[in-house]
């Protein structure tokens, strides 16, 4: 069951990123992030009210910590994708999102089988390869939708943004993995309530435009709904199986985005991405068999 739930999470996250990415072509990526997270907070709260259980203080604390991680990760991911090389930022963040929960899972006593470990070993390079995109997606000197101007950045700056984004998402996954089934979904609603102000504070600190000013920005609520589905599925996956497995399979979400871009936007899948997709399929099979 953990495999099915984790792959459902990867599918929903990939769909959410695809929708957000398409909308970000017409407005500020920070605006899309804020609207999506605000909508996700509302959606998650409504769902939580229908399946209310009895969360305790520590459950609320994990919810807040996961929200701070999610907001932190999204902020540096958007900054990196908007100003740097996607071919560096995206794969580093995706792999980082998987590594931290794996380390925490092993440290807390999880012992996956040898076959599962082999699947994890295939999944990590798969995440990296499938996330790779062409260099110089936004030429230096072009103006973004928020009026900012792209500037050439060093590879070190791109790497730092990717590492910080991966750290944030890894914290999100790790903290949610500590929320027990008895807590219900209320801590997840609190997670989004914490991620929204985290993103806004960082946007203000970085001088980015984040206030929604167009009715069309409301379409980002669709990305929020998909994000809600993804985090619910991830939470259920960690409650039915190992955090190590759930985090690695959920981090395969870039494969969904790449496939959608190819099918809907007619973008070409490069040889490197193709190898990554094959490795992803092998990883899923190995983890499921383990």
Protein backbone atom coordinates (compact mmCIF):
# COMPACT_ATOMS: atom_id res chain seq x y z
CA UNK A 1 0.00 0.00 0.00
CA UNK A 2 2.86 2.40 0.77
CA UNK A 3 4.06 2.06 -2.83
CA UNK A 4 0.63 2.89 -4.28
CA UNK A 5 0.12 5.87 -1.95
CA UNK A 6 3.64 7.21 -2.58
CA UNK A 7 3.26 6.96 -6.35
CA UNK A 8 -0.10 8.71 -6.05
CA UNK A 9 1.69 11.45 -4.13
CA UNK A 10 4.34 11.72 -6.86
CA UNK A 11 1.60 11.94 -9.50
CA UNK A 12 -0.28 14.67 -7.63
CA UNK A 13 2.87 16.67 -6.87
CA UNK A 14 3.94 16.39 -10.50
CA UNK A 15 0.53 17.60 -11.68
CA UNK A 16 0.66 20.48 -9.20
CA UNK A 17 4.12 21.52 -10.40
CA UNK A 18 3.00 21.30 -14.03
CA UNK A 19 -0.04 23.52 -13.42
CA UNK A 20 2.02 25.97 -11.38
CA UNK A 21 4.76 26.02 -13.99
CA UNK A 22 2.35 26.78 -16.83
CA UNK A 23 0.69 29.58 -14.84
CA UNK A 24 4.08 30.99 -13.83
CA UNK A 25 4.76 31.78 -17.47
CA UNK A 26 2.16 34.55 -17.26
CA UNK A 27 2.64 35.93 -13.76
CA UNK A 28 5.10 35.93 -10.86
CA UNK A 29 6.02 32.46 -9.64
CA UNK A 30 5.83 33.80 -6.08
CA UNK A 31 2.22 34.88 -6.64
CA UNK A 32 1.38 31.39 -7.88
CA UNK A 33 3.07 29.88 -4.82
CA UNK A 34 1.16 32.10 -2.39
CA UNK A 35 -2.24 31.51 -4.02
CA UNK A 36 -1.63 27.76 -4.29
CA UNK A 37 -0.55 27.42 -0.66
CA UNK A 38 -3.44 29.56 0.56
CA UNK A 39 -5.92 27.42 -1.36
CA UNK A 40 -4.27 24.23 -0.10
CA UNK A 41 -4.61 25.48 3.48
CA UNK A 42 -8.37 25.97 3.00
CA UNK A 43 -8.86 22.64 1.21
CA UNK A 44 -6.89 20.71 3.82
CA UNK A 45 -8.76 22.34 6.69
CA UNK A 46 -12.12 21.42 5.14
CA UNK A 47 -11.03 17.80 4.69
CA UNK A 48 -9.57 17.67 8.21
CA UNK A 49 -12.88 18.79 9.73
CA UNK A 50 -14.62 15.77 8.21
CA UNK A 51 -12.03 13.29 9.52
CA UNK A 52 -11.23 15.01 12.81
CA UNK A 53 -9.39 12.88 15.35
CA UNK A 54 -7.42 13.71 18.46
CA UNK A 55 -4.05 15.32 17.67
CA UNK A 56 -1.83 16.06 20.67
CA UNK A 57 0.68 18.85 21.19
CA UNK A 58 3.61 17.10 19.50
CA UNK A 59 1.45 16.42 16.42
CA UNK A 60 0.76 20.14 16.07
CA UNK A 61 4.47 20.85 16.46
CA UNK A 62 5.35 18.45 13.62
CA UNK A 63 2.71 20.15 11.50
CA UNK A 64 4.24 23.58 12.05
CA UNK A 65 7.76 22.30 11.39
CA UNK A 66 6.68 20.64 8.15
CA UNK A 67 5.01 23.87 7.04
CA UNK A 68 8.12 25.93 7.70
CA UNK A 69 10.12 23.37 5.71
CA UNK A 70 7.63 23.43 2.83
CA UNK A 71 7.54 27.22 2.65
CA UNK A 72 11.33 27.45 2.92
CA UNK A 73 11.83 24.85 0.20
CA UNK A 74 9.34 26.42 -2.19
CA UNK A 75 10.88 29.86 -1.72
CA UNK A 76 14.42 28.86 -2.66
CA UNK A 77 13.19 26.55 -5.42
CA UNK A 78 11.29 29.40 -7.07
CA UNK A 79 14.20 31.77 -6.60
CA UNK A 80 16.58 29.27 -8.15
CA UNK A 81 14.33 28.38 -11.07
CA UNK A 82 13.61 32.03 -11.77
CA UNK A 83 17.15 33.35 -11.63
CA UNK A 84 19.45 30.41 -12.20
CA UNK A 85 19.95 27.22 -14.18
CA UNK A 86 17.02 24.82 -13.86
CA UNK A 87 19.34 21.95 -14.83
CA UNK A 88 21.15 22.44 -11.50
CA UNK A 89 18.46 23.69 -9.11
CA UNK A 90 15.68 21.19 -9.91
CA UNK A 91 17.61 17.90 -9.62
CA UNK A 92 19.58 18.99 -6.55
CA UNK A 93 16.37 19.98 -4.75
CA UNK A 94 14.56 16.75 -5.71
CA UNK A 95 17.41 14.50 -4.57
CA UNK A 96 17.82 16.53 -1.38
CA UNK A 97 14.12 16.09 -0.64
CA UNK A 98 14.64 12.33 -0.68
CA UNK A 99 17.97 12.06 1.16
CA UNK A 100 17.04 13.76 4.44
CA UNK A 101 13.98 11.54 5.17
CA UNK A 102 16.01 8.45 4.23
CA UNK A 103 18.75 9.43 6.69
CA UNK A 104 16.20 10.15 9.43
CA UNK A 105 14.36 6.90 8.72
CA UNK A 106 17.53 4.83 9.04
CA UNK A 107 18.61 6.76 12.15
CA UNK A 108 15.27 6.05 13.83
CA UNK A 109 15.49 2.32 13.22
CA UNK A 110 13.98 1.62 9.79
CA UNK A 111 15.63 -1.34 8.07
CA UNK A 112 14.48 -1.75 4.45
CA UNK A 113 15.26 -5.02 2.67
CA UNK A 114 18.27 -5.36 0.35
CA UNK A 115 15.96 -5.27 -2.69
CA UNK A 116 14.34 -2.07 -1.42
CA UNK A 117 17.77 -0.50 -0.90
CA UNK A 118 18.67 -1.41 -4.48
CA UNK A 119 15.49 0.32 -5.61
CA UNK A 120 16.42 3.40 -3.58
CA UNK A 121 19.88 3.33 -5.18
CA UNK A 122 18.22 3.41 -8.61
CA UNK A 123 15.67 6.06 -7.61
CA UNK A 124 18.15 8.73 -6.53
CA UNK A 125 19.96 9.02 -9.89
CA UNK A 126 16.56 8.66 -11.59
CA UNK A 127 15.30 11.74 -9.75
CA UNK A 128 18.41 13.64 -10.81
CA UNK A 129 18.32 12.58 -14.47
CA UNK A 130 14.60 13.08 -15.03
CA UNK A 131 14.81 16.58 -13.55
CA UNK A 132 17.52 17.72 -15.92
CA UNK A 133 16.47 20.41 -18.39
CA UNK A 134 18.29 22.47 -20.98
CA UNK A 135 20.73 25.10 -19.78
CA UNK A 136 19.99 28.80 -20.26
CA UNK A 137 16.21 28.38 -20.31
CA UNK A 138 15.90 32.12 -19.60
CA UNK A 139 18.55 34.12 -21.44
CA UNK A 140 20.48 36.64 -19.39
CA UNK A 141 18.96 40.08 -19.57
CA UNK A 142 15.37 38.96 -20.25
CA UNK A 143 12.69 40.47 -18.05
CA UNK A 144 10.49 38.22 -15.95
CA UNK A 145 6.76 38.62 -15.43
CA UNK A 146 7.35 40.39 -12.15
CA UNK A 147 9.50 42.99 -13.83
CA UNK A 148 12.79 41.62 -12.55
CA UNK A 149 15.75 41.12 -14.84
CA UNK A 150 17.59 37.82 -15.03
CA UNK A 151 21.31 38.04 -14.38
CA UNK A 152 23.99 35.46 -15.00
CA UNK A 153 24.70 33.57 -11.79
CA UNK A 154 27.51 31.32 -10.74
CA UNK A 155 27.02 27.57 -10.59
CA UNK A 156 27.68 27.81 -6.84
CA UNK A 157 24.65 30.11 -6.39
CA UNK A 158 22.43 27.64 -8.28
CA UNK A 159 23.78 24.78 -6.19
CA UNK A 160 23.09 26.66 -2.95
CA UNK A 161 19.48 27.37 -3.95
CA UNK A 162 19.00 23.72 -4.90
CA UNK A 163 20.48 22.50 -1.63
CA UNK A 164 18.37 24.90 0.44
CA UNK A 165 15.21 23.91 -1.45
CA UNK A 166 16.01 20.22 -0.97
CA UNK A 167 16.64 20.81 2.73
CA UNK A 168 13.25 22.51 3.07
CA UNK A 169 11.34 19.78 1.23
CA UNK A 170 13.27 17.10 3.08
CA UNK A 171 12.22 18.71 6.35
CA UNK A 172 8.61 18.78 5.09
CA UNK A 173 8.67 15.06 4.31
CA UNK A 174 10.51 14.13 7.50
CA UNK A 175 8.22 16.10 9.81
CA UNK A 176 5.03 14.80 8.17
CA UNK A 177 6.43 11.30 8.55
CA UNK A 178 6.28 11.74 12.34
CA UNK A 179 2.53 12.49 12.43
CA UNK A 180 0.64 9.35 13.54
CA UNK A 181 -2.64 8.08 12.16
CA UNK A 182 -4.35 9.03 15.43
CA UNK A 183 -3.75 12.73 14.69
CA UNK A 184 -5.91 12.83 11.56
CA UNK A 185 -5.31 15.61 9.02
CA UNK A 186 -5.46 18.63 11.31
CA UNK A 187 -1.64 18.90 11.61
CA UNK A 188 -1.50 18.93 7.81
CA UNK A 189 -3.82 21.95 7.70
CA UNK A 190 -1.55 23.66 10.22
CA UNK A 191 1.38 22.78 7.98
CA UNK A 192 -0.04 24.86 5.14
CA UNK A 193 -0.98 27.60 7.58
CA UNK A 194 2.71 27.80 8.52
CA UNK A 195 4.08 27.47 4.97
CA UNK A 196 2.07 30.43 3.63
CA UNK A 197 3.57 33.12 5.93
CA UNK A 198 7.01 31.51 5.56
CA UNK A 199 6.84 31.97 1.79
CA UNK A 200 5.54 35.55 2.10
CA UNK A 201 8.26 36.55 4.57
CA UNK A 202 10.98 35.14 2.34
CA UNK A 203 9.46 36.77 -0.76
CA UNK A 204 9.49 40.13 0.99
CA UNK A 205 13.05 39.57 2.18
CA UNK A 206 14.16 38.74 -1.36
CA UNK A 207 12.26 41.67 -2.87
CA UNK A 208 10.01 39.48 -5.04
CA UNK A 209 6.47 40.36 -6.16
CA UNK A 210 3.98 38.03 -4.46
CA UNK A 211 0.66 39.92 -4.06
CA UNK A 212 -2.07 38.56 -6.42
CA UNK A 213 -3.25 41.42 -8.67
CA UNK A 214 -5.07 39.62 -11.47
CA UNK A 215 -8.22 37.50 -11.41
CA UNK A 216 -6.38 34.91 -13.47
CA UNK A 217 -4.04 34.32 -10.54
CA UNK A 218 -6.93 32.49 -8.86
CA UNK A 219 -6.32 29.61 -11.25
CA UNK A 220 -3.35 28.69 -9.07
CA UNK A 221 -5.92 27.28 -6.61
CA UNK A 222 -5.93 24.19 -8.87
CA UNK A 223 -2.26 23.65 -8.05
CA UNK A 224 -3.18 24.05 -4.38
CA UNK A 225 -5.86 21.37 -4.63
CA UNK A 226 -3.39 18.98 -6.24
CA UNK A 227 -0.81 19.84 -3.59
CA UNK A 228 -3.38 19.02 -0.92
CA UNK A 229 -4.01 15.61 -2.47
CA UNK A 230 -0.26 14.97 -2.67
CA UNK A 231 0.47 15.78 0.97
CA UNK A 232 -2.52 13.77 2.19
CA UNK A 233 -1.30 10.76 0.20
CA UNK A 234 2.24 11.21 1.54
CA UNK A 235 0.99 11.38 5.12
CA UNK A 236 -1.04 8.20 4.62
CA UNK A 237 1.95 6.51 2.96
CA UNK A 238 4.20 7.19 5.97
CA UNK A 239 1.50 5.88 8.29
CA UNK A 240 1.25 2.58 6.40
CA UNK A 241 4.90 1.95 5.55
CA UNK A 242 8.50 3.08 5.90
CA UNK A 243 9.37 6.78 5.67
CA UNK A 244 12.41 5.75 3.62
CA UNK A 245 10.25 4.19 0.92
CA UNK A 246 7.56 6.87 0.96
CA UNK A 247 10.05 9.75 0.64
CA UNK A 248 12.04 8.23 -2.21
CA UNK A 249 9.04 7.21 -4.31
CA UNK A 250 7.24 10.51 -3.66
CA UNK A 251 10.36 12.38 -4.81
CA UNK A 252 9.92 10.86 -8.26
CA UNK A 253 7.34 13.61 -8.92
CA UNK A 254 9.54 15.31 -11.59
CA UNK A 255 8.83 12.30 -13.84
CA UNK A 256 5.13 13.24 -13.89
CA UNK A 257 5.93 16.84 -14.78
CA UNK A 258 8.29 15.80 -17.57
CA UNK A 259 5.77 13.38 -19.09
CA UNK A 260 2.98 15.97 -18.95
CA UNK A 261 5.22 18.56 -20.59
CA UNK A 262 5.89 16.09 -23.38
CA UNK A 263 2.23 15.08 -23.86
CA UNK A 264 0.52 18.43 -23.37
CA UNK A 265 3.13 21.01 -24.35
CA UNK A 266 4.89 18.80 -26.91
CA UNK A 267 8.23 19.30 -25.21
CA UNK A 268 10.92 16.85 -26.25
CA UNK A 269 12.16 14.31 -23.73
CA UNK A 270 15.96 14.32 -23.89
CA UNK A 271 18.11 11.23 -23.81
CA UNK A 272 19.16 11.95 -20.22
CA UNK A 273 15.54 12.29 -19.09
CA UNK A 274 14.65 9.08 -20.92
CA UNK A 275 17.30 7.18 -19.00
CA UNK A 276 15.98 8.73 -15.80
CA UNK A 277 12.44 7.58 -16.58
CA UNK A 278 13.65 4.02 -17.20
CA UNK A 279 15.57 4.04 -13.93
CA UNK A 280 12.48 5.39 -12.16
CA UNK A 281 10.41 2.48 -13.48
CA UNK A 282 13.07 0.01 -12.36
CA UNK A 283 13.23 1.65 -8.91
CA UNK A 284 9.47 1.38 -8.45
CA UNK A 285 9.50 -2.29 -9.40
CA UNK A 286 12.35 -3.10 -7.02
CA UNK A 287 10.81 -1.22 -4.09
CA UNK A 288 7.44 -2.87 -4.70
CA UNK A 289 9.06 -6.33 -4.87
CA UNK A 290 11.07 -5.63 -1.70
